[in-house]
C-alpha atoms as a PDB file:
ATOM      1  CA  MET A   1     -24.739  -2.641  18.374  1.00  0.00           C
ATOM      2  CA  LYS A   2     -26.961   0.589  19.419  1.00  0.00           C
ATOM      3  CA  LYS A   3     -24.813   1.385  22.247  1.00  0.00           C
ATOM      4  CA  LEU A   4     -21.347   0.910  20.297  1.00  0.00           C
ATOM      5  CA  LYS A   5     -22.511   3.010  17.566  1.00  0.00           C
ATOM      6  CA  ASN A   6     -22.996   6.205  19.868  1.00  0.00           C
ATOM      7  CA  ILE A   7     -19.731   5.667  21.694  1.00  0.00           C
ATOM      8  CA  LEU A   8     -18.144   5.171  17.783  1.00  0.00           C
ATOM      9  CA  VAL A   9     -20.069   8.822  17.105  1.00  0.00           C
ATOM     10  CA  GLY A  10     -19.189  10.256  20.238  1.00  0.00           C
ATOM     11  CA  ILE A  11     -15.327   9.458  19.406  1.00  0.00           C
ATOM     12  CA  ILE A  12     -15.342  10.800  15.834  1.00  0.00           C
ATOM     13  CA  GLY A  13     -17.292  13.619  17.521  1.00  0.00           C
ATOM     14  CA  ILE A  14     -15.003  14.399  19.901  1.00  0.00           C
ATOM     15  CA  ILE A  15     -11.825  14.142  17.497  1.00  0.00           C
ATOM     16  CA  TYR A  16     -13.824  16.958  15.163  1.00  0.00           C
ATOM     17  CA  PHE A  17     -14.365  19.157  18.060  1.00  0.00           C
ATOM     18  CA  VAL A  18     -11.050  19.047  19.396  1.00  0.00           C
ATOM     19  CA  PHE A  19      -9.725  19.076  15.174  1.00  0.00           C
ATOM     20  CA  VAL A  20     -11.993  22.490  15.322  1.00  0.00           C
ATOM     21  CA  ILE A  21     -10.440  23.952  18.399  1.00  0.00           C
ATOM     22  CA  ILE A  22      -6.965  23.410  17.350  1.00  0.00           C
ATOM     23  CA  ASN A  23      -7.923  24.917  13.429  1.00  0.00           C
ATOM     24  CA  THR A  24      -9.169  28.087  15.183  1.00  0.00           C
ATOM     25  CA  ILE A  25      -6.563  29.015  17.463  1.00  0.00           C
ATOM     26  CA  LEU A  26      -3.964  28.353  14.669  1.00  0.00           C
ATOM     27  CA  MET A  27      -6.032  30.411  12.635  1.00  0.00           C
ATOM     28  CA  LEU A  28      -6.678  33.134  15.160  1.00  0.00           C
ATOM     29  CA  ASN A  29      -2.812  33.593  15.177  1.00  0.00           C
ATOM     30  CA  ILE A  30      -1.888  34.829  11.712  1.00  0.00           C
ATOM     31  CA  ASN A  31       0.359  37.826  11.525  1.00  0.00           C
ATOM     32  CA  LYS A  32      -0.211  40.694   9.167  1.00  0.00           C
ATOM     33  CA  TYR A  33       1.899  38.483   6.356  1.00  0.00           C
ATOM     34  CA  GLY A  34      -0.849  35.610   6.451  1.00  0.00           C
ATOM     35  CA  VAL A  35       1.060  32.851   8.299  1.00  0.00           C
ATOM     36  CA  THR A  36       0.574  31.389  11.730  1.00  0.00           C
ATOM     37  CA  GLN A  37       2.795  32.630  14.167  1.00  0.00           C
ATOM     38  CA  PHE A  38       2.779  32.394  18.153  1.00  0.00           C
ATOM     39  CA  ASP A  39       5.490  34.334  19.371  1.00  0.00           C
ATOM     40  CA  ASP A  40       8.671  33.614  18.219  1.00  0.00           C
ATOM     41  CA  MET A  41       7.895  30.369  16.708  1.00  0.00           C
ATOM     42  CA  THR A  42       6.337  30.618  12.819  1.00  0.00           C
ATOM     43  CA  LEU A  43       4.617  27.864  10.959  1.00  0.00           C
ATOM     44  CA  VAL A  44       5.813  27.828   7.124  1.00  0.00           C
ATOM     45  CA  ALA A  45       4.337  25.439   4.695  1.00  0.00           C
ATOM     46  CA  ILE A  46       6.208  25.367   1.362  1.00  0.00           C
ATOM     47  CA  LYS A  47       4.006  26.138  -1.293  1.00  0.00           C
ATOM     48  CA  SER A  48       6.352  25.766  -3.985  1.00  0.00           C
ATOM     49  CA  GLU A  49       9.880  24.898  -5.274  1.00  0.00           C
ATOM     50  CA  ILE A  50      12.384  26.543  -3.302  1.00  0.00           C
ATOM     51  CA  SER A  51      16.030  27.127  -3.970  1.00  0.00           C
ATOM     52  CA  SER A  52      16.761  24.699  -0.756  1.00  0.00           C
ATOM     53  CA  ASN A  53      17.773  21.074  -0.945  1.00  0.00           C
ATOM     54  CA  ASN A  54      16.411  20.951   2.825  1.00  0.00           C
ATOM     55  CA  TYR A  55      12.837  22.019   1.990  1.00  0.00           C
ATOM     56  CA  ILE A  56      10.224  20.270  -0.808  1.00  0.00           C
ATOM     57  CA  LYS A  57       6.816  21.606  -1.529  1.00  0.00           C
ATOM     58  CA  GLY A  58       4.553  20.348   1.097  1.00  0.00           C
ATOM     59  CA  ASP A  59       6.968  20.457   3.735  1.00  0.00           C
ATOM     60  CA  LEU A  60       5.370  22.184   7.260  1.00  0.00           C
ATOM     61  CA  VAL A  61       8.262  24.278   9.062  1.00  0.00           C
ATOM     62  CA  VAL A  62       8.658  25.509  11.660  1.00  0.00           C
ATOM     63  CA  VAL A  63      10.618  28.334  12.020  1.00  0.00           C
ATOM     64  CA  ARG A  64      12.393  30.281  15.045  1.00  0.00           C
ATOM     65  CA  LYS A  65      13.154  33.986  15.169  1.00  0.00           C
ATOM     66  CA  PRO A  66      16.598  34.359  16.261  1.00  0.00           C
ATOM     67  CA  LYS A  67      17.487  37.548  18.496  1.00  0.00           C
ATOM     68  CA  PHE A  68      20.343  39.848  16.001  1.00  0.00           C
ATOM     69  CA  GLU A  69      22.584  38.988  17.793  1.00  0.00           C
ATOM     70  CA  ASN A  70      22.964  35.316  17.644  1.00  0.00           C
ATOM     71  CA  ILE A  71      22.669  35.595  13.575  1.00  0.00           C
ATOM     72  CA  GLN A  72      25.996  34.739  11.739  1.00  0.00           C
ATOM     73  CA  VAL A  73      27.030  34.678   7.826  1.00  0.00           C
ATOM     74  CA  GLY A  74      26.555  31.646   6.485  1.00  0.00           C
ATOM     75  CA  ASP A  75      22.894  31.379   8.455  1.00  0.00           C
ATOM     76  CA  GLU A  76      19.875  29.930   6.229  1.00  0.00           C
ATOM     77  CA  LEU A  77      16.724  32.322   7.444  1.00  0.00           C
ATOM     78  CA  PHE A  78      13.542  32.434   5.966  1.00  0.00           C
ATOM     79  CA  ILE A  79      12.449  35.872   5.693  1.00  0.00           C
ATOM     80  CA  TYR A  80       8.859  38.019   4.064  1.00  0.00           C
ATOM     81  CA  LYS A  81       9.502  39.782   1.117  1.00  0.00           C
ATOM     82  CA  ILE A  82       6.596  42.009  -0.146  1.00  0.00           C
ATOM     83  CA  LYS A  83       5.912  42.325  -3.715  1.00  0.00           C
ATOM     84  CA  LYS A  84       5.309  44.771  -6.014  1.00  0.00           C
ATOM     85  CA  ASP A  85       1.605  44.493  -5.650  1.00  0.00           C
ATOM     86  CA  GLY A  86       1.627  44.406  -1.653  1.00  0.00           C
ATOM     87  CA  SER A  87       1.240  40.739  -0.889  1.00  0.00           C
ATOM     88  CA  PRO A  88       3.734  38.965   0.848  1.00  0.00           C
ATOM     89  CA  VAL A  89       5.464  36.027   0.101  1.00  0.00           C
ATOM     90  CA  ILE A  90       7.932  33.931   1.937  1.00  0.00           C
ATOM     91  CA  ASP A  91      11.771  33.765   0.980  1.00  0.00           C
ATOM     92  CA  LEU A  92      14.821  31.958   2.128  1.00  0.00           C
ATOM     93  CA  GLY A  93      18.131  32.679   1.631  1.00  0.00           C
ATOM     94  CA  ILE A  94      21.822  32.449   3.421  1.00  0.00           C
ATOM     95  CA  VAL A  95      22.879  35.049   5.296  1.00  0.00           C
ATOM     96  CA  GLY A  96      26.195  36.915   3.441  1.00  0.00           C
ATOM     97  CA  GLU A  97      26.819  40.319   5.530  1.00  0.00           C
ATOM     98  CA  ILE A  98      25.167  41.806   9.102  1.00  0.00           C
ATOM     99  CA  HIS A  99      24.506  45.588   9.100  1.00  0.00           C
ATOM    100  CA  GLU A 100      24.942  45.925  12.887  1.00  0.00           C
ATOM    101  CA  LYS A 101      24.148  49.685  12.654  1.00  0.00           C
ATOM    102  CA  ASP A 102      21.328  49.748  11.261  1.00  0.00           C
ATOM    103  CA  GLU A 103      20.031  45.678  12.375  1.00  0.00           C
ATOM    104  CA  SER A 104      19.656  44.708   8.892  1.00  0.00           C
ATOM    105  CA  LEU A 105      20.898  41.819   7.219  1.00  0.00           C
ATOM    106  CA  SER A 106      21.952  41.349   3.699  1.00  0.00           C
ATOM    107  CA  PHE A 107      21.442  37.894   1.563  1.00  0.00           C
ATOM    108  CA  GLU A 108      24.920  36.162  -0.304  1.00  0.00           C
ATOM    109  CA  ASN A 109      22.437  36.985  -3.456  1.00  0.00           C
ATOM    110  CA  GLY A 110      22.751  40.769  -2.638  1.00  0.00           C
ATOM    111  CA  ALA A 111      19.139  41.534  -1.329  1.00  0.00           C
ATOM    112  CA  SER A 112      19.173  43.364   2.052  1.00  0.00           C
ATOM    113  CA  TYR A 113      16.069  42.881   4.926  1.00  0.00           C
ATOM    114  CA  GLU A 114      15.195  44.313   8.059  1.00  0.00           C
ATOM    115  CA  MET A 115      14.939  42.171  11.068  1.00  0.00           C
ATOM    116  CA  ASP A 116      11.355  43.194  11.043  1.00  0.00           C
ATOM    117  CA  TYR A 117      11.175  41.217   7.455  1.00  0.00           C
ATOM    118  CA  VAL A 118      13.528  38.326   9.130  1.00  0.00           C
ATOM    119  CA  ILE A 119      10.967  35.130  10.184  1.00  0.00           C
ATOM    120  CA  GLY A 120      13.808  32.829  11.117  1.00  0.00           C
ATOM    121  CA  GLY A 121      15.640  29.453  10.419  1.00  0.00           C
ATOM    122  CA  SER A 122      14.229  26.057  10.308  1.00  0.00           C
ATOM    123  CA  GLU A 123      13.640  24.278  14.159  1.00  0.00           C
ATOM    124  CA  LYS A 124      11.729  21.075  12.698  1.00  0.00           C
ATOM    125  CA  VAL A 125      10.891  19.991   9.334  1.00  0.00           C
ATOM    126  CA  TYR A 126       7.428  17.861   8.937  1.00  0.00           C
ATOM    127  CA  HIS A 127       7.411  16.372   5.066  1.00  0.00           C
ATOM    128  CA  GLU A 128       4.049  16.642   3.509  1.00  0.00           C
ATOM    129  CA  ILE A 129       2.132  17.864   6.437  1.00  0.00           C
ATOM    130  CA  GLY A 130       2.242  21.040   5.033  1.00  0.00           C
ATOM    131  CA  LYS A 131      -0.333  20.585   2.103  1.00  0.00           C
ATOM    132  CA  TYR A 132      -2.907  19.437   4.619  1.00  0.00           C
ATOM    133  CA  PHE A 133      -2.046  22.846   6.621  1.00  0.00           C
ATOM    134  CA  SER A 134      -2.173  24.979   3.418  1.00  0.00           C
ATOM    135  CA  ILE A 135      -5.754  23.150   2.930  1.00  0.00           C
ATOM    136  CA  ILE A 136      -6.777  23.457   6.401  1.00  0.00           C
ATOM    137  CA  GLN A 137      -6.245  27.106   6.384  1.00  0.00           C
ATOM    138  CA  SER A 138      -7.383  28.224   3.408  1.00  0.00           C
ATOM    139  CA  GLN A 139     -10.684  29.761   2.924  1.00  0.00           C
ATOM    140  CA  TRP A 140     -11.972  26.983   1.058  1.00  0.00           C
ATOM    141  CA  GLY A 141     -10.815  24.611   3.452  1.00  0.00           C
ATOM    142  CA  PHE A 142     -12.310  26.049   6.328  1.00  0.00           C
ATOM    143  CA  LEU A 143     -15.711  26.337   4.602  1.00  0.00           C
ATOM    144  CA  PHE A 144     -15.598  22.708   3.367  1.00  0.00           C
ATOM    145  CA  ILE A 145     -13.826  21.029   6.799  1.00  0.00           C
ATOM    146  CA  ILE A 146     -15.004  23.409   9.439  1.00  0.00           C
ATOM    147  CA  LEU A 147     -18.630  24.994   8.592  1.00  0.00           C
ATOM    148  CA  VAL A 148     -20.136  22.968   6.213  1.00  0.00           C
ATOM    149  CA  PRO A 149     -20.727  20.161   8.555  1.00  0.00           C
ATOM    150  CA  SER A 150     -20.772  22.392  11.674  1.00  0.00           C
ATOM    151  CA  PHE A 151     -23.811  23.480   9.529  1.00  0.00           C
ATOM    152  CA  LEU A 152     -25.303  20.158   8.851  1.00  0.00           C
ATOM    153  CA  ILE A 153     -24.755  18.959  12.560  1.00  0.00           C
ATOM    154  CA  PHE A 154     -26.795  22.395  13.649  1.00  0.00           C
ATOM    155  CA  VAL A 155     -29.317  20.628  11.335  1.00  0.00           C
ATOM    156  CA  TYR A 156     -29.752  17.368  11.824  1.00  0.00           C
ATOM    157  CA  GLU A 157     -29.701  18.429  15.908  1.00  0.00           C
ATOM    158  CA  LEU A 158     -32.451  21.047  15.212  1.00  0.00           C
ATOM    159  CA  TYR A 159     -34.335  18.239  13.220  1.00  0.00           C
ATOM    160  CA  ALA A 160     -33.855  15.677  16.326  1.00  0.00           C
ATOM    161  CA  ILE A 161     -35.590  18.237  18.934  1.00  0.00           C
ATOM    162  CA  ILE A 162     -38.240  18.790  16.550  1.00  0.00           C
ATOM    163  CA  VAL A 163     -39.270  15.568  16.070  1.00  0.00           C
ATOM    164  CA  GLU A 164     -38.656  14.709  19.770  1.00  0.00           C
ATOM    165  CA  VAL A 165     -40.837  17.339  21.178  1.00  0.00           C
ATOM    166  CA  LYS A 166     -43.596  16.678  17.998  1.00  0.00           C
ATOM    167  CA  TYR A 167     -43.618  12.798  18.538  1.00  0.00           C
ATOM    168  CA  GLY A 168     -42.268  12.114  21.425  1.00  0.00           C
ATOM    169  CA  LYS A 169     -38.544  10.552  22.491  1.00  0.00           C
ATOM    170  CA  PRO A 170     -38.718   7.176  19.793  1.00  0.00           C
ATOM    171  CA  ASP A 171     -37.514   4.775  22.666  1.00  0.00           C
ATOM    172  CA  ALA A 172     -40.966   5.764  25.068  1.00  0.00           C
ATOM    173  CA  LYS A 173     -43.094   4.057  22.720  1.00  0.00           C
ATOM    174  CA  LYS A 174     -41.369   0.677  23.380  1.00  0.00           C
END
């Protein structure tokens, strides 16, 4: 029974360790707009209602940035929009006009954006995963999902070492 317990704890520990590594990689690849980005691929979590029937609150969208030459009128693109207070938000729009001279585009609603602010078009949508992704990548999520358990594991291991040094190995007495 003790062997089964050790195997189970080991499996849970490995799963947790892999989760921590993946989350760390995701957080190390956060760009200046606060979004996880790998080269031309960006992970966009839909955090509020959006003006599209393709995405709902809670979706995680994998977005690929197109080359300027490949953008066409009618494409649905995600962009970074900077609010008056300087904080970035993600918006979605349909390309209405392409301005080749200055490599920018305008949406059908009239808003114009330079290519630096274009995130790209949707590659794949994962429904309901965006909620969990947002929680995991938040400061509080990182604290309670990564740091607190890691600290508790560290304290437990430290306690186990102190007990072993002070009283000897528990199985040695049998």
